[in-house]
Amino acid sequence: VCYRTSGLTYVVSKALIKVPYISLVNLIMGREVVAEFIQGDFTARNLLDELKRLLTDEAYIARQKAGYAELRTKLGRHHAARQAATLMVKYLQAA
């Protein structure tokens, strides 16, 4: 997951929104399932390193696949979007 915005947008967003992750996958799971490269971390080097890991590191690939499988179980097969929205509302209300 890669995001880069203007410096002002980032500072304002960071001040207003207090969440540990930016991707829905990571927010729903409550841990990093997918790497996040935000602002200064979103560099060609970091992206290249991550892509290499995703292509060559079997243990890393297996952990990510397991995280997605767990997400699938958590959201269920039916009404996954509704489940995700419900989980996000609960999460944001608790924040």
N, C-alpha and C. Protein backbone atom coordinates (compact mmCIF):
# COMPACT_ATOMS: atom_id res chain seq x y z
N VAL A 1 0.86 -1.17 0.00
CA VAL A 1 0.00 0.00 0.00
C VAL A 1 0.91 1.22 0.00
N CYS A 2 0.70 2.11 -0.96
CA CYS A 2 1.55 3.29 -1.11
C CYS A 2 0.69 4.54 -1.17
N TYR A 3 1.05 5.52 -0.36
CA TYR A 3 0.35 6.80 -0.36
C TYR A 3 1.35 7.93 -0.19
N ARG A 4 1.16 8.95 -1.01
CA ARG A 4 1.92 10.18 -0.82
C ARG A 4 0.99 11.34 -1.17
N THR A 5 0.91 12.30 -0.28
CA THR A 5 0.09 13.48 -0.50
C THR A 5 0.95 14.71 -0.27
N SER A 6 0.34 15.86 -0.36
CA SER A 6 1.09 17.08 -0.05
C SER A 6 1.44 17.05 1.44
N GLY A 7 2.48 17.75 1.80
CA GLY A 7 2.89 17.80 3.20
C GLY A 7 1.80 18.32 4.11
N LEU A 8 1.10 19.35 3.66
CA LEU A 8 0.02 19.94 4.46
C LEU A 8 -1.12 18.94 4.67
N THR A 9 -1.52 18.26 3.61
CA THR A 9 -2.59 17.26 3.72
C THR A 9 -2.19 16.17 4.69
N TYR A 10 -0.95 15.73 4.61
CA TYR A 10 -0.47 14.67 5.50
C TYR A 10 -0.50 15.12 6.96
N VAL A 11 0.00 16.31 7.24
CA VAL A 11 0.05 16.81 8.61
C VAL A 11 -1.36 16.97 9.18
N VAL A 12 -2.26 17.54 8.40
CA VAL A 12 -3.64 17.73 8.86
C VAL A 12 -4.31 16.38 9.07
N SER A 13 -4.17 15.47 8.12
CA SER A 13 -4.78 14.14 8.25
C SER A 13 -4.24 13.40 9.47
N LYS A 14 -2.95 13.47 9.67
CA LYS A 14 -2.32 12.78 10.80
C LYS A 14 -2.84 13.34 12.13
N ALA A 15 -3.10 14.64 12.17
CA ALA A 15 -3.60 15.27 13.40
C ALA A 15 -5.06 14.91 13.66
N LEU A 16 -5.84 14.74 12.60
CA LEU A 16 -7.27 14.49 12.75
C LEU A 16 -7.63 13.01 12.87
N ILE A 17 -6.86 12.17 12.21
CA ILE A 17 -7.20 10.75 12.14
C ILE A 17 -6.13 9.95 12.87
N LYS A 18 -6.52 9.34 13.97
CA LYS A 18 -5.58 8.59 14.80
C LYS A 18 -5.79 7.09 14.60
N VAL A 19 -5.16 6.54 13.59
CA VAL A 19 -5.23 5.10 13.33
C VAL A 19 -3.80 4.59 13.12
N PRO A 20 -3.56 3.34 13.52
CA PRO A 20 -2.20 2.82 13.39
C PRO A 20 -1.84 2.40 11.96
N TYR A 21 -2.84 2.20 11.12
CA TYR A 21 -2.60 1.77 9.74
C TYR A 21 -3.46 2.60 8.81
N ILE A 22 -3.15 2.51 7.51
CA ILE A 22 -3.93 3.27 6.53
C ILE A 22 -4.72 2.34 5.62
N SER A 23 -4.27 1.11 5.44
CA SER A 23 -4.99 0.19 4.55
C SER A 23 -6.11 -0.52 5.29
N LEU A 24 -7.20 -0.79 4.58
CA LEU A 24 -8.33 -1.49 5.20
C LEU A 24 -7.93 -2.87 5.71
N VAL A 25 -7.12 -3.57 4.95
CA VAL A 25 -6.69 -4.90 5.38
C VAL A 25 -6.03 -4.83 6.75
N ASN A 26 -5.06 -3.95 6.90
CA ASN A 26 -4.35 -3.84 8.17
C ASN A 26 -5.24 -3.31 9.29
N LEU A 27 -6.10 -2.35 8.97
CA LEU A 27 -7.01 -1.82 9.98
C LEU A 27 -7.96 -2.89 10.49
N ILE A 28 -8.54 -3.66 9.59
CA ILE A 28 -9.48 -4.71 9.99
C ILE A 28 -8.78 -5.79 10.79
N MET A 29 -7.58 -6.15 10.37
CA MET A 29 -6.85 -7.23 11.06
C MET A 29 -6.18 -6.75 12.34
N GLY A 30 -5.97 -5.45 12.48
CA GLY A 30 -5.34 -4.94 13.69
C GLY A 30 -3.84 -5.20 13.74
N ARG A 31 -3.28 -5.50 12.59
CA ARG A 31 -1.83 -5.73 12.48
C ARG A 31 -1.43 -5.54 11.02
N GLU A 32 -0.14 -5.49 10.78
CA GLU A 32 0.31 -5.32 9.41
C GLU A 32 0.28 -6.64 8.66
N VAL A 33 -0.63 -6.74 7.71
CA VAL A 33 -0.69 -7.89 6.81
C VAL A 33 0.03 -7.53 5.52
N VAL A 34 -0.18 -6.31 5.07
CA VAL A 34 0.49 -5.80 3.88
C VAL A 34 1.35 -4.60 4.28
N ALA A 35 2.46 -4.46 3.61
CA ALA A 35 3.36 -3.34 3.91
C ALA A 35 2.70 -2.02 3.51
N GLU A 36 2.98 -0.99 4.27
CA GLU A 36 2.46 0.35 3.98
C GLU A 36 3.64 1.31 3.83
N PHE A 37 3.65 2.01 2.72
CA PHE A 37 4.68 2.99 2.45
C PHE A 37 4.00 4.36 2.35
N ILE A 38 4.14 5.15 3.41
CA ILE A 38 3.44 6.42 3.52
C ILE A 38 4.46 7.56 3.47
N GLN A 39 4.12 8.58 2.69
CA GLN A 39 4.94 9.79 2.57
C GLN A 39 6.41 9.46 2.30
N GLY A 40 7.30 9.76 3.22
CA GLY A 40 8.73 9.58 3.01
C GLY A 40 9.16 8.13 2.86
N ASP A 41 8.34 7.19 3.35
CA ASP A 41 8.67 5.77 3.19
C ASP A 41 8.34 5.25 1.80
N PHE A 42 7.57 6.02 1.04
CA PHE A 42 7.19 5.63 -0.32
C PHE A 42 8.30 6.06 -1.27
N THR A 43 9.31 5.20 -1.36
CA THR A 43 10.46 5.46 -2.23
C THR A 43 10.62 4.31 -3.21
N ALA A 44 11.33 4.57 -4.29
CA ALA A 44 11.59 3.52 -5.27
C ALA A 44 12.34 2.36 -4.63
N ARG A 45 13.29 2.65 -3.76
CA ARG A 45 14.07 1.61 -3.10
C ARG A 45 13.19 0.73 -2.22
N ASN A 46 12.34 1.36 -1.40
CA ASN A 46 11.46 0.58 -0.52
C ASN A 46 10.47 -0.26 -1.32
N LEU A 47 9.94 0.32 -2.39
CA LEU A 47 9.00 -0.41 -3.23
C LEU A 47 9.69 -1.58 -3.92
N LEU A 48 10.87 -1.37 -4.43
CA LEU A 48 11.63 -2.44 -5.06
C LEU A 48 11.95 -3.55 -4.07
N ASP A 49 12.38 -3.19 -2.87
CA ASP A 49 12.69 -4.19 -1.84
C ASP A 49 11.45 -5.01 -1.49
N GLU A 50 10.30 -4.35 -1.38
CA GLU A 50 9.06 -5.05 -1.05
C GLU A 50 8.66 -5.99 -2.19
N LEU A 51 8.76 -5.53 -3.41
CA LEU A 51 8.41 -6.38 -4.55
C LEU A 51 9.33 -7.59 -4.64
N LYS A 52 10.61 -7.41 -4.35
CA LYS A 52 11.54 -8.54 -4.34
C LYS A 52 11.14 -9.56 -3.28
N ARG A 53 10.76 -9.07 -2.09
CA ARG A 53 10.32 -9.98 -1.02
C ARG A 53 9.09 -10.76 -1.45
N LEU A 54 8.16 -10.06 -2.10
CA LEU A 54 6.92 -10.71 -2.54
C LEU A 54 7.15 -11.74 -3.64
N LEU A 55 8.25 -11.62 -4.33
CA LEU A 55 8.57 -12.57 -5.40
C LEU A 55 9.49 -13.70 -4.95
N THR A 56 10.26 -13.49 -3.89
CA THR A 56 11.30 -14.47 -3.56
C THR A 56 11.27 -15.04 -2.15
N ASP A 57 10.69 -14.34 -1.20
CA ASP A 57 10.74 -14.77 0.21
C ASP A 57 9.51 -15.62 0.54
N GLU A 58 9.69 -16.94 0.48
CA GLU A 58 8.57 -17.87 0.65
C GLU A 58 7.87 -17.70 2.00
N ALA A 59 8.62 -17.48 3.07
CA ALA A 59 8.02 -17.31 4.39
C ALA A 59 7.19 -16.03 4.44
N TYR A 60 7.70 -14.98 3.84
CA TYR A 60 6.99 -13.70 3.80
C TYR A 60 5.69 -13.84 3.00
N ILE A 61 5.79 -14.50 1.86
CA ILE A 61 4.61 -14.74 1.02
C ILE A 61 3.58 -15.56 1.78
N ALA A 62 4.02 -16.59 2.47
CA ALA A 62 3.10 -17.45 3.23
C ALA A 62 2.41 -16.66 4.34
N ARG A 63 3.14 -15.78 5.03
CA ARG A 63 2.52 -14.97 6.09
C ARG A 63 1.46 -14.04 5.51
N GLN A 64 1.75 -13.46 4.37
CA GLN A 64 0.78 -12.55 3.76
C GLN A 64 -0.46 -13.33 3.30
N LYS A 65 -0.26 -14.47 2.70
CA LYS A 65 -1.40 -15.30 2.28
C LYS A 65 -2.22 -15.74 3.48
N ALA A 66 -1.56 -16.09 4.56
CA ALA A 66 -2.27 -16.49 5.78
C ALA A 66 -3.07 -15.32 6.34
N GLY A 67 -2.52 -14.14 6.28
CA GLY A 67 -3.23 -12.95 6.73
C GLY A 67 -4.48 -12.70 5.90
N TYR A 68 -4.37 -12.87 4.59
CA TYR A 68 -5.54 -12.70 3.72
C TYR A 68 -6.58 -13.79 3.98
N ALA A 69 -6.13 -15.01 4.24
CA ALA A 69 -7.07 -16.09 4.56
C ALA A 69 -7.82 -15.78 5.85
N GLU A 70 -7.09 -15.27 6.83
CA GLU A 70 -7.72 -14.89 8.10
C GLU A 70 -8.71 -13.75 7.89
N LEU A 71 -8.37 -12.81 7.05
CA LEU A 71 -9.27 -11.71 6.73
C LEU A 71 -10.55 -12.24 6.08
N ARG A 72 -10.39 -13.17 5.14
CA ARG A 72 -11.54 -13.77 4.47
C ARG A 72 -12.46 -14.44 5.48
N THR A 73 -11.87 -15.15 6.44
CA THR A 73 -12.66 -15.80 7.49
C THR A 73 -13.37 -14.76 8.35
N LYS A 74 -12.66 -13.72 8.69
CA LYS A 74 -13.21 -12.67 9.55
C LYS A 74 -14.40 -11.96 8.89
N LEU A 75 -14.29 -11.72 7.58
CA LEU A 75 -15.35 -11.01 6.87
C LEU A 75 -16.47 -11.93 6.41
N GLY A 76 -16.18 -13.21 6.30
CA GLY A 76 -17.20 -14.16 5.84
C GLY A 76 -17.35 -14.12 4.33
N ARG A 77 -18.11 -15.06 3.84
CA ARG A 77 -18.31 -15.17 2.39
C ARG A 77 -19.45 -14.27 1.89
N HIS A 78 -20.40 -14.01 2.75
CA HIS A 78 -21.57 -13.23 2.34
C HIS A 78 -21.53 -11.85 2.99
N HIS A 79 -21.84 -10.85 2.22
CA HIS A 79 -21.92 -9.47 2.72
C HIS A 79 -20.58 -8.99 3.29
N ALA A 80 -19.49 -9.32 2.61
CA ALA A 80 -18.16 -8.95 3.10
C ALA A 80 -18.01 -7.43 3.21
N ALA A 81 -18.55 -6.69 2.26
CA ALA A 81 -18.44 -5.23 2.31
C ALA A 81 -19.16 -4.69 3.54
N ARG A 82 -20.33 -5.24 3.84
CA ARG A 82 -21.09 -4.80 5.02
C ARG A 82 -20.31 -5.15 6.29
N GLN A 83 -19.74 -6.34 6.33
CA GLN A 83 -18.94 -6.76 7.49
C GLN A 83 -17.75 -5.82 7.68
N ALA A 84 -17.07 -5.50 6.59
CA ALA A 84 -15.91 -4.61 6.67
C ALA A 84 -16.33 -3.24 7.18
N ALA A 85 -17.45 -2.73 6.66
CA ALA A 85 -17.93 -1.42 7.10
C ALA A 85 -18.30 -1.44 8.57
N THR A 86 -18.94 -2.50 9.02
CA THR A 86 -19.31 -2.62 10.44
C THR A 86 -18.08 -2.65 11.32
N LEU A 87 -17.08 -3.42 10.93
CA LEU A 87 -15.83 -3.49 11.70
C LEU A 87 -15.14 -2.13 11.75
N MET A 88 -15.15 -1.40 10.63
CA MET A 88 -14.50 -0.09 10.59
C MET A 88 -15.23 0.91 11.48
N VAL A 89 -16.56 0.88 11.46
CA VAL A 89 -17.33 1.79 12.31
C VAL A 89 -17.02 1.51 13.78
N LYS A 90 -17.01 0.25 14.17
CA LYS A 90 -16.69 -0.11 15.55
C LYS A 90 -15.28 0.36 15.92
N TYR A 91 -14.35 0.16 15.01
CA TYR A 91 -12.96 0.54 15.26
C TYR A 91 -12.84 2.05 15.44
N LEU A 92 -13.48 2.80 14.56
CA LEU A 92 -13.39 4.26 14.62
C LEU A 92 -14.12 4.82 15.84
N GLN A 93 -15.20 4.20 16.24
CA GLN A 93 -15.91 4.65 17.44
C GLN A 93 -15.06 4.43 18.69
N ALA A 94 -14.26 3.38 18.68
CA ALA A 94 -13.41 3.08 19.83
C ALA A 94 -12.18 3.99 19.88
N ALA A 95 -11.81 4.58 18.75
CA ALA A 95 -10.60 5.41 18.67
C ALA A 95 -10.78 6.74 19.35
